[in-house]
C-alpha cells in the first residue's frame, strides 16, 4: 500500500508494516508527492482508496488488498483476494 522507495528520517516508505488505524510514514500533506497520491486515489468522501499487493503469511499466496485511507492512516480493509483476481478499477 502506498509504496514508495523514497523516505524520510524514519527510513524508506516501502515494505513497512502498518496496521489499521496506525498513521503510516508518508509524504507530508504539503508535499507534491502527497498531492499526486491523493489525486490518483481520492474517493468522493474525502478519503483515498488504493489496491495493493500482499502475501499470505501462512501459505505464501499472492494477494491483493483494497484499503481506505483517511489522510495517511489506513482505516478499513475493504476487500482481500487472490492477486489473480485483481479488482477492476485499480491499477497495479
PDB file of N, CA and C in Angstrom:
ATOM      1  N   UNK A   1       0.831  -1.175   0.000  1.00  0.00           N
ATOM      2  CA  UNK A   1       0.000   0.000   0.000  1.00  0.00           C
ATOM      3  C   UNK A   1       0.874   1.236   0.000  1.00  0.00           C
ATOM      4  N   UNK A   2       0.434   2.219  -0.692  1.00  0.00           N
ATOM      5  CA  UNK A   2       1.124   3.499  -0.683  1.00  0.00           C
ATOM      6  C   UNK A   2       2.638   3.325  -0.694  1.00  0.00           C
ATOM      7  N   UNK A   3       3.130   2.541  -1.600  1.00  0.00           N
ATOM      8  CA  UNK A   3       4.545   2.203  -1.612  1.00  0.00           C
ATOM      9  C   UNK A   3       5.359   3.237  -2.366  1.00  0.00           C
ATOM     10  N   UNK A   4       6.482   3.582  -1.811  1.00  0.00           N
ATOM     11  CA  UNK A   4       7.420   4.492  -2.445  1.00  0.00           C
ATOM     12  C   UNK A   4       8.792   4.144  -1.896  1.00  0.00           C
ATOM     13  N   UNK A   5       9.794   4.090  -2.773  1.00  0.00           N
ATOM     14  CA  UNK A   5      11.138   3.728  -2.326  1.00  0.00           C
ATOM     15  C   UNK A   5      11.895   4.912  -1.736  1.00  0.00           C
ATOM     16  N   UNK A   6      11.323   6.122  -1.843  1.00  0.00           N
ATOM     17  CA  UNK A   6      11.895   7.257  -1.133  1.00  0.00           C
ATOM     18  C   UNK A   6      11.491   7.128   0.331  1.00  0.00           C
ATOM     19  N   UNK A   7      11.879   8.094   1.122  1.00  0.00           N
ATOM     20  CA  UNK A   7      11.521   8.024   2.523  1.00  0.00           C
ATOM     21  C   UNK A   7      11.780   9.322   3.250  1.00  0.00           C
ATOM     22  N   UNK A   8      11.759   9.222   4.558  1.00  0.00           N
ATOM     23  CA  UNK A   8      12.032  10.370   5.414  1.00  0.00           C
ATOM     24  C   UNK A   8      13.014   9.936   6.496  1.00  0.00           C
ATOM     25  N   UNK A   9      13.067  10.669   7.591  1.00  0.00           N
ATOM     26  CA  UNK A   9      14.033  10.316   8.642  1.00  0.00           C
ATOM     27  C   UNK A   9      13.735   8.992   9.337  1.00  0.00           C
ATOM     28  N   UNK A  10      12.549   8.407   9.056  1.00  0.00           N
ATOM     29  CA  UNK A  10      12.221   7.088   9.622  1.00  0.00           C
ATOM     30  C   UNK A  10      12.640   5.945   8.695  1.00  0.00           C
ATOM     31  N   UNK A  11      13.166   6.285   7.507  1.00  0.00           N
ATOM     32  CA  UNK A  11      13.599   5.281   6.537  1.00  0.00           C
ATOM     33  C   UNK A  11      12.704   5.271   5.313  1.00  0.00           C
ATOM     34  N   UNK A  12      12.887   4.258   4.471  1.00  0.00           N
ATOM     35  CA  UNK A  12      12.072   4.120   3.269  1.00  0.00           C
ATOM     36  C   UNK A  12      10.615   3.893   3.629  1.00  0.00           C
ATOM     37  N   UNK A  13       9.730   4.377   2.771  1.00  0.00           N
ATOM     38  CA  UNK A  13       8.304   4.158   2.983  1.00  0.00           C
ATOM     39  C   UNK A  13       7.904   2.722   2.636  1.00  0.00           C
ATOM     40  N   UNK A  14       8.563   2.145   1.659  1.00  0.00           N
ATOM     41  CA  UNK A  14       8.196   0.808   1.184  1.00  0.00           C
ATOM     42  C   UNK A  14       8.520  -0.265   2.228  1.00  0.00           C
ATOM     43  N   UNK A  15       7.710  -1.312   2.222  1.00  0.00           N
ATOM     44  CA  UNK A  15       7.924  -2.530   2.999  1.00  0.00           C
ATOM     45  C   UNK A  15       7.776  -2.365   4.509  1.00  0.00           C
ATOM     46  N   UNK A  16       7.146  -1.291   4.946  1.00  0.00           N
ATOM     47  CA  UNK A  16       6.886  -1.129   6.376  1.00  0.00           C
ATOM     48  C   UNK A  16       5.533  -1.742   6.697  1.00  0.00           C
ATOM     49  N   UNK A  17       5.453  -2.415   7.823  1.00  0.00           N
ATOM     50  CA  UNK A  17       4.178  -2.967   8.262  1.00  0.00           C
ATOM     51  C   UNK A  17       3.407  -1.877   8.981  1.00  0.00           C
ATOM     52  N   UNK A  18       2.163  -1.685   8.554  1.00  0.00           N
ATOM     53  CA  UNK A  18       1.290  -0.690   9.164  1.00  0.00           C
ATOM     54  C   UNK A  18      -0.042  -1.365   9.445  1.00  0.00           C
ATOM     55  N   UNK A  19      -0.588  -1.134  10.598  1.00  0.00           N
ATOM     56  CA  UNK A  19      -1.870  -1.717  10.982  1.00  0.00           C
ATOM     57  C   UNK A  19      -2.986  -0.696  10.762  1.00  0.00           C
ATOM     58  N   UNK A  20      -4.219  -1.199  10.657  1.00  0.00           N
ATOM     59  CA  UNK A  20      -5.359  -0.305  10.548  1.00  0.00           C
ATOM     60  C   UNK A  20      -5.369   0.647  11.746  1.00  0.00           C
ATOM     61  N   UNK A  21      -5.731   1.879  11.485  1.00  0.00           N
ATOM     62  CA  UNK A  21      -5.796   2.957  12.472  1.00  0.00           C
ATOM     63  C   UNK A  21      -4.421   3.443  12.930  1.00  0.00           C
ATOM     64  N   UNK A  22      -3.340   2.980  12.282  1.00  0.00           N
ATOM     65  CA  UNK A  22      -1.981   3.423  12.630  1.00  0.00           C
ATOM     66  C   UNK A  22      -1.486   4.329  11.508  1.00  0.00           C
ATOM     67  N   UNK A  23      -1.159   5.559  11.829  1.00  0.00           N
ATOM     68  CA  UNK A  23      -0.645   6.506  10.834  1.00  0.00           C
ATOM     69  C   UNK A  23       0.635   5.940  10.233  1.00  0.00           C
ATOM     70  N   UNK A  24       0.708   5.975   8.906  1.00  0.00           N
ATOM     71  CA  UNK A  24       1.911   5.453   8.255  1.00  0.00           C
ATOM     72  C   UNK A  24       2.881   6.583   7.939  1.00  0.00           C
ATOM     73  N   UNK A  25       4.143   6.232   7.792  1.00  0.00           N
ATOM     74  CA  UNK A  25       5.150   7.188   7.340  1.00  0.00           C
ATOM     75  C   UNK A  25       4.861   7.485   5.876  1.00  0.00           C
ATOM     76  N   UNK A  26       4.727   8.758   5.555  1.00  0.00           N
ATOM     77  CA  UNK A  26       4.401   9.130   4.170  1.00  0.00           C
ATOM     78  C   UNK A  26       4.737  10.588   3.979  1.00  0.00           C
ATOM     79  N   UNK A  27       4.651  11.016   2.747  1.00  0.00           N
ATOM     80  CA  UNK A  27       4.911  12.417   2.432  1.00  0.00           C
ATOM     81  C   UNK A  27       3.967  13.308   3.234  1.00  0.00           C
ATOM     82  N   UNK A  28       4.453  14.461   3.727  1.00  0.00           N
ATOM     83  CA  UNK A  28       3.555  15.381   4.436  1.00  0.00           C
ATOM     84  C   UNK A  28       2.537  15.998   3.479  1.00  0.00           C
ATOM     85  N   UNK A  29       1.426  16.456   4.016  1.00  0.00           N
ATOM     86  CA  UNK A  29       0.305  16.949   3.201  1.00  0.00           C
ATOM     87  C   UNK A  29       0.711  18.047   2.222  1.00  0.00           C
ATOM     88  N   UNK A  30       1.687  18.869   2.510  1.00  0.00           N
ATOM     89  CA  UNK A  30       2.095  19.939   1.597  1.00  0.00           C
ATOM     90  C   UNK A  30       3.047  19.509   0.492  1.00  0.00           C
ATOM     91  N   UNK A  31       3.504  18.269   0.518  1.00  0.00           N
ATOM     92  CA  UNK A  31       4.491  17.779  -0.455  1.00  0.00           C
ATOM     93  C   UNK A  31       3.809  17.404  -1.771  1.00  0.00           C
ATOM     94  N   UNK A  32       4.477  17.656  -2.889  1.00  0.00           N
ATOM     95  CA  UNK A  32       3.910  17.355  -4.215  1.00  0.00           C
ATOM     96  C   UNK A  32       3.573  15.870  -4.372  1.00  0.00           C
ATOM     97  N   UNK A  33       4.389  14.977  -3.811  1.00  0.00           N
ATOM     98  CA  UNK A  33       4.113  13.546  -3.952  1.00  0.00           C
ATOM     99  C   UNK A  33       2.882  13.123  -3.143  1.00  0.00           C
ATOM    100  N   UNK A  34       2.617  13.813  -2.039  1.00  0.00           N
ATOM    101  CA  UNK A  34       1.384  13.550  -1.296  1.00  0.00           C
ATOM    102  C   UNK A  34       0.191  13.912  -2.176  1.00  0.00           C
ATOM    103  N   UNK A  35       0.251  15.061  -2.806  1.00  0.00           N
ATOM    104  CA  UNK A  35      -0.846  15.513  -3.675  1.00  0.00           C
ATOM    105  C   UNK A  35      -1.043  14.555  -4.853  1.00  0.00           C
ATOM    106  N   UNK A  36       0.044  14.064  -5.447  1.00  0.00           N
ATOM    107  CA  UNK A  36      -0.066  13.101  -6.555  1.00  0.00           C
ATOM    108  C   UNK A  36      -0.776  11.836  -6.101  1.00  0.00           C
ATOM    109  N   UNK A  37      -0.416  11.338  -4.926  1.00  0.00           N
ATOM    110  CA  UNK A  37      -1.038  10.127  -4.385  1.00  0.00           C
ATOM    111  C   UNK A  37      -2.520  10.356  -4.144  1.00  0.00           C
ATOM    112  N   UNK A  38      -2.846  11.461  -3.466  1.00  0.00           N
ATOM    113  CA  UNK A  38      -4.250  11.744  -3.170  1.00  0.00           C
ATOM    114  C   UNK A  38      -5.068  11.950  -4.442  1.00  0.00           C
ATOM    115  N   UNK A  39      -4.501  12.631  -5.416  1.00  0.00           N
ATOM    116  CA  UNK A  39      -5.229  12.847  -6.676  1.00  0.00           C
ATOM    117  C   UNK A  39      -5.485  11.533  -7.396  1.00  0.00           C
ATOM    118  N   UNK A  40      -4.555  10.614  -7.308  1.00  0.00           N
ATOM    119  CA  UNK A  40      -4.695   9.326  -8.005  1.00  0.00           C
ATOM    120  C   UNK A  40      -5.708   8.409  -7.328  1.00  0.00           C
ATOM    121  N   UNK A  41      -5.883   8.526  -6.017  1.00  0.00           N
ATOM    122  CA  UNK A  41      -6.686   7.544  -5.284  1.00  0.00           C
ATOM    123  C   UNK A  41      -7.857   8.146  -4.495  1.00  0.00           C
ATOM    124  N   UNK A  42      -8.165   9.425  -4.718  1.00  0.00           N
ATOM    125  CA  UNK A  42      -9.219  10.089  -3.944  1.00  0.00           C
ATOM    126  C   UNK A  42     -10.596   9.509  -4.210  1.00  0.00           C
ATOM    127  N   UNK A  43     -11.376   9.406  -3.141  1.00  0.00           N
ATOM    128  CA  UNK A  43     -12.777   8.980  -3.223  1.00  0.00           C
ATOM    129  C   UNK A  43     -13.664  10.204  -2.966  1.00  0.00           C
ATOM    130  N   UNK A  44     -14.920  10.086  -3.298  1.00  0.00           N
ATOM    131  CA  UNK A  44     -15.837  11.222  -3.188  1.00  0.00           C
ATOM    132  C   UNK A  44     -16.051  11.696  -1.752  1.00  0.00           C
ATOM    133  N   UNK A  45     -15.766  10.855  -0.774  1.00  0.00           N
ATOM    134  CA  UNK A  45     -15.976  11.234   0.634  1.00  0.00           C
ATOM    135  C   UNK A  45     -14.743  11.860   1.277  1.00  0.00           C
ATOM    136  N   UNK A  46     -13.713  12.162   0.487  1.00  0.00           N
ATOM    137  CA  UNK A  46     -12.506  12.787   1.010  1.00  0.00           C
ATOM    138  C   UNK A  46     -11.444  11.816   1.486  1.00  0.00           C
ATOM    139  N   UNK A  47     -11.740  10.529   1.434  1.00  0.00           N
ATOM    140  CA  UNK A  47     -10.730   9.525   1.770  1.00  0.00           C
ATOM    141  C   UNK A  47      -9.991   9.135   0.489  1.00  0.00           C
ATOM    142  N   UNK A  48      -9.055   8.225   0.608  1.00  0.00           N
ATOM    143  CA  UNK A  48      -8.363   7.665  -0.547  1.00  0.00           C
ATOM    144  C   UNK A  48      -8.528   6.149  -0.498  1.00  0.00           C
ATOM    145  N   UNK A  49      -8.701   5.527  -1.652  1.00  0.00           N
ATOM    146  CA  UNK A  49      -8.871   4.073  -1.725  1.00  0.00           C
ATOM    147  C   UNK A  49      -7.843   3.539  -2.700  1.00  0.00           C
ATOM    148  N   UNK A  50      -7.083   2.546  -2.264  1.00  0.00           N
ATOM    149  CA  UNK A  50      -5.987   2.014  -3.062  1.00  0.00           C
ATOM    150  C   UNK A  50      -5.954   0.496  -2.964  1.00  0.00           C
ATOM    151  N   UNK A  51      -5.630  -0.157  -4.063  1.00  0.00           N
ATOM    152  CA  UNK A  51      -5.387  -1.605  -4.050  1.00  0.00           C
ATOM    153  C   UNK A  51      -3.879  -1.821  -3.979  1.00  0.00           C
ATOM    154  N   UNK A  52      -3.477  -2.811  -3.209  1.00  0.00           N
ATOM    155  CA  UNK A  52      -2.057  -3.105  -3.070  1.00  0.00           C
ATOM    156  C   UNK A  52      -1.843  -4.614  -3.076  1.00  0.00           C
ATOM    157  N   UNK A  53      -0.614  -4.993  -3.307  1.00  0.00           N
ATOM    158  CA  UNK A  53      -0.268  -6.410  -3.299  1.00  0.00           C
ATOM    159  C   UNK A  53       0.149  -6.836  -1.900  1.00  0.00           C
ATOM    160  N   UNK A  54       0.070  -8.116  -1.658  1.00  0.00           N
ATOM    161  CA  UNK A  54       0.483  -8.672  -0.378  1.00  0.00           C
ATOM    162  C   UNK A  54       0.730 -10.156  -0.523  1.00  0.00           C
ATOM    163  N   UNK A  55       1.003 -10.786   0.588  1.00  0.00           N
ATOM    164  CA  UNK A  55       1.280 -12.216   0.589  1.00  0.00           C
ATOM    165  C   UNK A  55       0.715 -12.818   1.870  1.00  0.00           C
ATOM    166  N   UNK A  56       0.095 -13.976   1.750  1.00  0.00           N
ATOM    167  CA  UNK A  56      -0.406 -14.693   2.920  1.00  0.00           C
ATOM    168  C   UNK A  56       0.778 -15.210   3.733  1.00  0.00           C
ATOM    169  N   UNK A  57       0.799 -14.885   5.005  1.00  0.00           N
ATOM    170  CA  UNK A  57       1.901 -15.343   5.857  1.00  0.00           C
ATOM    171  C   UNK A  57       1.901 -16.848   6.040  1.00  0.00           C
ATOM    172  N   UNK A  58       0.741 -17.462   5.962  1.00  0.00           N
ATOM    173  CA  UNK A  58       0.631 -18.898   6.190  1.00  0.00           C
ATOM    174  C   UNK A  58       1.004 -19.714   4.949  1.00  0.00           C
ATOM    175  N   UNK A  59       0.355 -19.416   3.798  1.00  0.00           N
ATOM    176  CA  UNK A  59       0.558 -20.261   2.612  1.00  0.00           C
ATOM    177  C   UNK A  59       1.375 -19.597   1.509  1.00  0.00           C
ATOM    178  N   UNK A  60       1.736 -18.325   1.697  1.00  0.00           N
ATOM    179  CA  UNK A  60       2.548 -17.561   0.739  1.00  0.00           C
ATOM    180  C   UNK A  60       1.818 -17.245  -0.565  1.00  0.00           C
ATOM    181  N   UNK A  61       0.501 -17.343  -0.585  1.00  0.00           N
ATOM    182  CA  UNK A  61      -0.271 -16.984  -1.789  1.00  0.00           C
ATOM    183  C   UNK A  61      -0.135 -15.485  -2.046  1.00  0.00           C
ATOM    184  N   UNK A  62      -0.050 -15.102  -3.312  1.00  0.00           N
ATOM    185  CA  UNK A  62      -0.035 -13.696  -3.700  1.00  0.00           C
ATOM    186  C   UNK A  62      -1.451 -13.146  -3.584  1.00  0.00           C
ATOM    187  N   UNK A  63      -1.603 -12.028  -2.865  1.00  0.00           N
ATOM    188  CA  UNK A  63      -2.910 -11.463  -2.566  1.00  0.00           C
ATOM    189  C   UNK A  63      -2.986  -9.998  -2.983  1.00  0.00           C
ATOM    190  N   UNK A  64      -4.199  -9.474  -2.980  1.00  0.00           N
ATOM    191  CA  UNK A  64      -4.410  -8.034  -3.065  1.00  0.00           C
ATOM    192  C   UNK A  64      -5.239  -7.616  -1.859  1.00  0.00           C
ATOM    193  N   UNK A  65      -5.131  -6.352  -1.512  1.00  0.00           N
ATOM    194  CA  UNK A  65      -5.998  -5.760  -0.513  1.00  0.00           C
ATOM    195  C   UNK A  65      -6.464  -4.414  -1.023  1.00  0.00           C
ATOM    196  N   UNK A  66      -7.709  -4.071  -0.780  1.00  0.00           N
ATOM    197  CA  UNK A  66      -8.231  -2.739  -1.091  1.00  0.00           C
ATOM    198  C   UNK A  66      -8.372  -2.021   0.237  1.00  0.00           C
ATOM    199  N   UNK A  67      -7.654  -0.907   0.375  1.00  0.00           N
ATOM    200  CA  UNK A  67      -7.533  -0.220   1.646  1.00  0.00           C
ATOM    201  C   UNK A  67      -8.050   1.211   1.517  1.00  0.00           C
ATOM    202  N   UNK A  68      -8.834   1.644   2.503  1.00  0.00           N
ATOM    203  CA  UNK A  68      -9.327   3.023   2.553  1.00  0.00           C
ATOM    204  C   UNK A  68      -8.485   3.794   3.570  1.00  0.00           C
ATOM    205  N   UNK A  69      -8.064   5.002   3.173  1.00  0.00           N
ATOM    206  CA  UNK A  69      -7.223   5.865   3.999  1.00  0.00           C
ATOM    207  C   UNK A  69      -7.956   7.152   4.353  1.00  0.00           C
ATOM    208  N   UNK A  70      -7.772   7.619   5.571  1.00  0.00           N
ATOM    209  CA  UNK A  70      -8.128   8.972   5.985  1.00  0.00           C
ATOM    210  C   UNK A  70      -6.798   9.658   6.240  1.00  0.00           C
ATOM    211  N   UNK A  71      -6.519  10.703   5.473  1.00  0.00           N
ATOM    212  CA  UNK A  71      -5.209  11.339   5.492  1.00  0.00           C
ATOM    213  C   UNK A  71      -4.187  10.253   5.141  1.00  0.00           C
ATOM    214  N   UNK A  72      -3.261   9.925   6.020  1.00  0.00           N
ATOM    215  CA  UNK A  72      -2.296   8.849   5.743  1.00  0.00           C
ATOM    216  C   UNK A  72      -2.464   7.696   6.721  1.00  0.00           C
ATOM    217  N   UNK A  73      -3.676   7.516   7.188  1.00  0.00           N
ATOM    218  CA  UNK A  73      -3.979   6.433   8.108  1.00  0.00           C
ATOM    219  C   UNK A  73      -4.916   5.435   7.437  1.00  0.00           C
ATOM    220  N   UNK A  74      -4.503   4.168   7.317  1.00  0.00           N
ATOM    221  CA  UNK A  74      -5.424   3.162   6.781  1.00  0.00           C
ATOM    222  C   UNK A  74      -6.538   2.917   7.788  1.00  0.00           C
ATOM    223  N   UNK A  75      -7.778   3.087   7.346  1.00  0.00           N
ATOM    224  CA  UNK A  75      -8.899   2.978   8.276  1.00  0.00           C
ATOM    225  C   UNK A  75      -9.775   1.756   8.026  1.00  0.00           C
ATOM    226  N   UNK A  76      -9.670   1.157   6.839  1.00  0.00           N
ATOM    227  CA  UNK A  76     -10.511  -0.012   6.563  1.00  0.00           C
ATOM    228  C   UNK A  76      -9.885  -0.874   5.470  1.00  0.00           C
ATOM    229  N   UNK A  77      -9.977  -2.174   5.658  1.00  0.00           N
ATOM    230  CA  UNK A  77      -9.648  -3.144   4.617  1.00  0.00           C
ATOM    231  C   UNK A  77     -10.978  -3.508   3.971  1.00  0.00           C
ATOM    232  N   UNK A  78     -11.187  -3.041   2.751  1.00  0.00           N
ATOM    233  CA  UNK A  78     -12.491  -3.187   2.110  1.00  0.00           C
ATOM    234  C   UNK A  78     -12.632  -4.468   1.307  1.00  0.00           C
ATOM    235  N   UNK A  79     -11.520  -5.031   0.871  1.00  0.00           N
ATOM    236  CA  UNK A  79     -11.567  -6.289   0.118  1.00  0.00           C
ATOM    237  C   UNK A  79     -10.200  -6.943   0.193  1.00  0.00           C
ATOM    238  N   UNK A  80     -10.190  -8.259   0.096  1.00  0.00           N
ATOM    239  CA  UNK A  80      -8.955  -9.024   0.017  1.00  0.00           C
ATOM    240  C   UNK A  80      -9.237 -10.215  -0.890  1.00  0.00           C
ATOM    241  N   UNK A  81      -8.246 -10.610  -1.665  1.00  0.00           N
ATOM    242  CA  UNK A  81      -8.428 -11.739  -2.562  1.00  0.00           C
ATOM    243  C   UNK A  81      -7.126 -12.146  -3.197  1.00  0.00           C
ATOM    244  N   UNK A  82      -7.219 -13.146  -4.057  1.00  0.00           N
ATOM    245  CA  UNK A  82      -6.035 -13.615  -4.784  1.00  0.00           C
ATOM    246  C   UNK A  82      -5.598 -12.575  -5.800  1.00  0.00           C
ATOM    247  N   UNK A  83      -4.305 -12.410  -5.940  1.00  0.00           N
ATOM    248  CA  UNK A  83      -3.752 -11.441  -6.887  1.00  0.00           C
ATOM    249  C   UNK A  83      -4.276 -11.695  -8.301  1.00  0.00           C
ATOM    250  N   UNK A  84      -4.502 -12.940  -8.644  1.00  0.00           N
ATOM    251  CA  UNK A  84      -5.013 -13.283  -9.980  1.00  0.00           C
ATOM    252  C   UNK A  84      -6.417 -12.702 -10.204  1.00  0.00           C
ATOM    253  N   UNK A  85      -7.105 -12.362  -9.131  1.00  0.00           N
ATOM    254  CA  UNK A  85      -8.457 -11.797  -9.211  1.00  0.00           C
ATOM    255  C   UNK A  85      -8.442 -10.289  -8.896  1.00  0.00           C
ATOM    256  N   UNK A  86      -7.372  -9.606  -9.301  1.00  0.00           N
ATOM    257  CA  UNK A  86      -7.187  -8.182  -9.017  1.00  0.00           C
ATOM    258  C   UNK A  86      -8.478  -7.414  -9.298  1.00  0.00           C
ATOM    259  N   UNK A  87      -8.888  -6.532  -8.415  1.00  0.00           N
ATOM    260  CA  UNK A  87     -10.175  -5.852  -8.582  1.00  0.00           C
ATOM    261  C   UNK A  87     -10.180  -4.842  -9.736  1.00  0.00           C
ATOM    262  N   UNK A  88     -11.275  -4.817 -10.454  1.00  0.00           N
ATOM    263  CA  UNK A  88     -11.437  -3.879 -11.576  1.00  0.00           C
ATOM    264  C   UNK A  88     -11.406  -2.451 -11.047  1.00  0.00           C
ATOM    265  N   UNK A  89     -10.854  -1.561 -11.849  1.00  0.00           N
ATOM    266  CA  UNK A  89     -10.831  -0.146 -11.491  1.00  0.00           C
ATOM    267  C   UNK A  89      -9.609   0.285 -10.724  1.00  0.00           C
ATOM    268  N   UNK A  90      -8.719  -0.639 -10.391  1.00  0.00           N
ATOM    269  CA  UNK A  90      -7.490  -0.312  -9.666  1.00  0.00           C
ATOM    270  C   UNK A  90      -6.282  -0.691 -10.518  1.00  0.00           C
ATOM    271  N   UNK A  91      -5.336   0.250 -10.635  1.00  0.00           N
ATOM    272  CA  UNK A  91      -4.121  -0.059 -11.376  1.00  0.00           C
ATOM    273  C   UNK A  91      -3.194  -0.893 -10.508  1.00  0.00           C
ATOM    274  N   UNK A  92      -2.299  -1.594 -11.158  1.00  0.00           N
ATOM    275  CA  UNK A  92      -1.329  -2.425 -10.438  1.00  0.00           C
ATOM    276  C   UNK A  92      -0.074  -1.654 -10.172  1.00  0.00           C
TER     277      UNK A  92
END
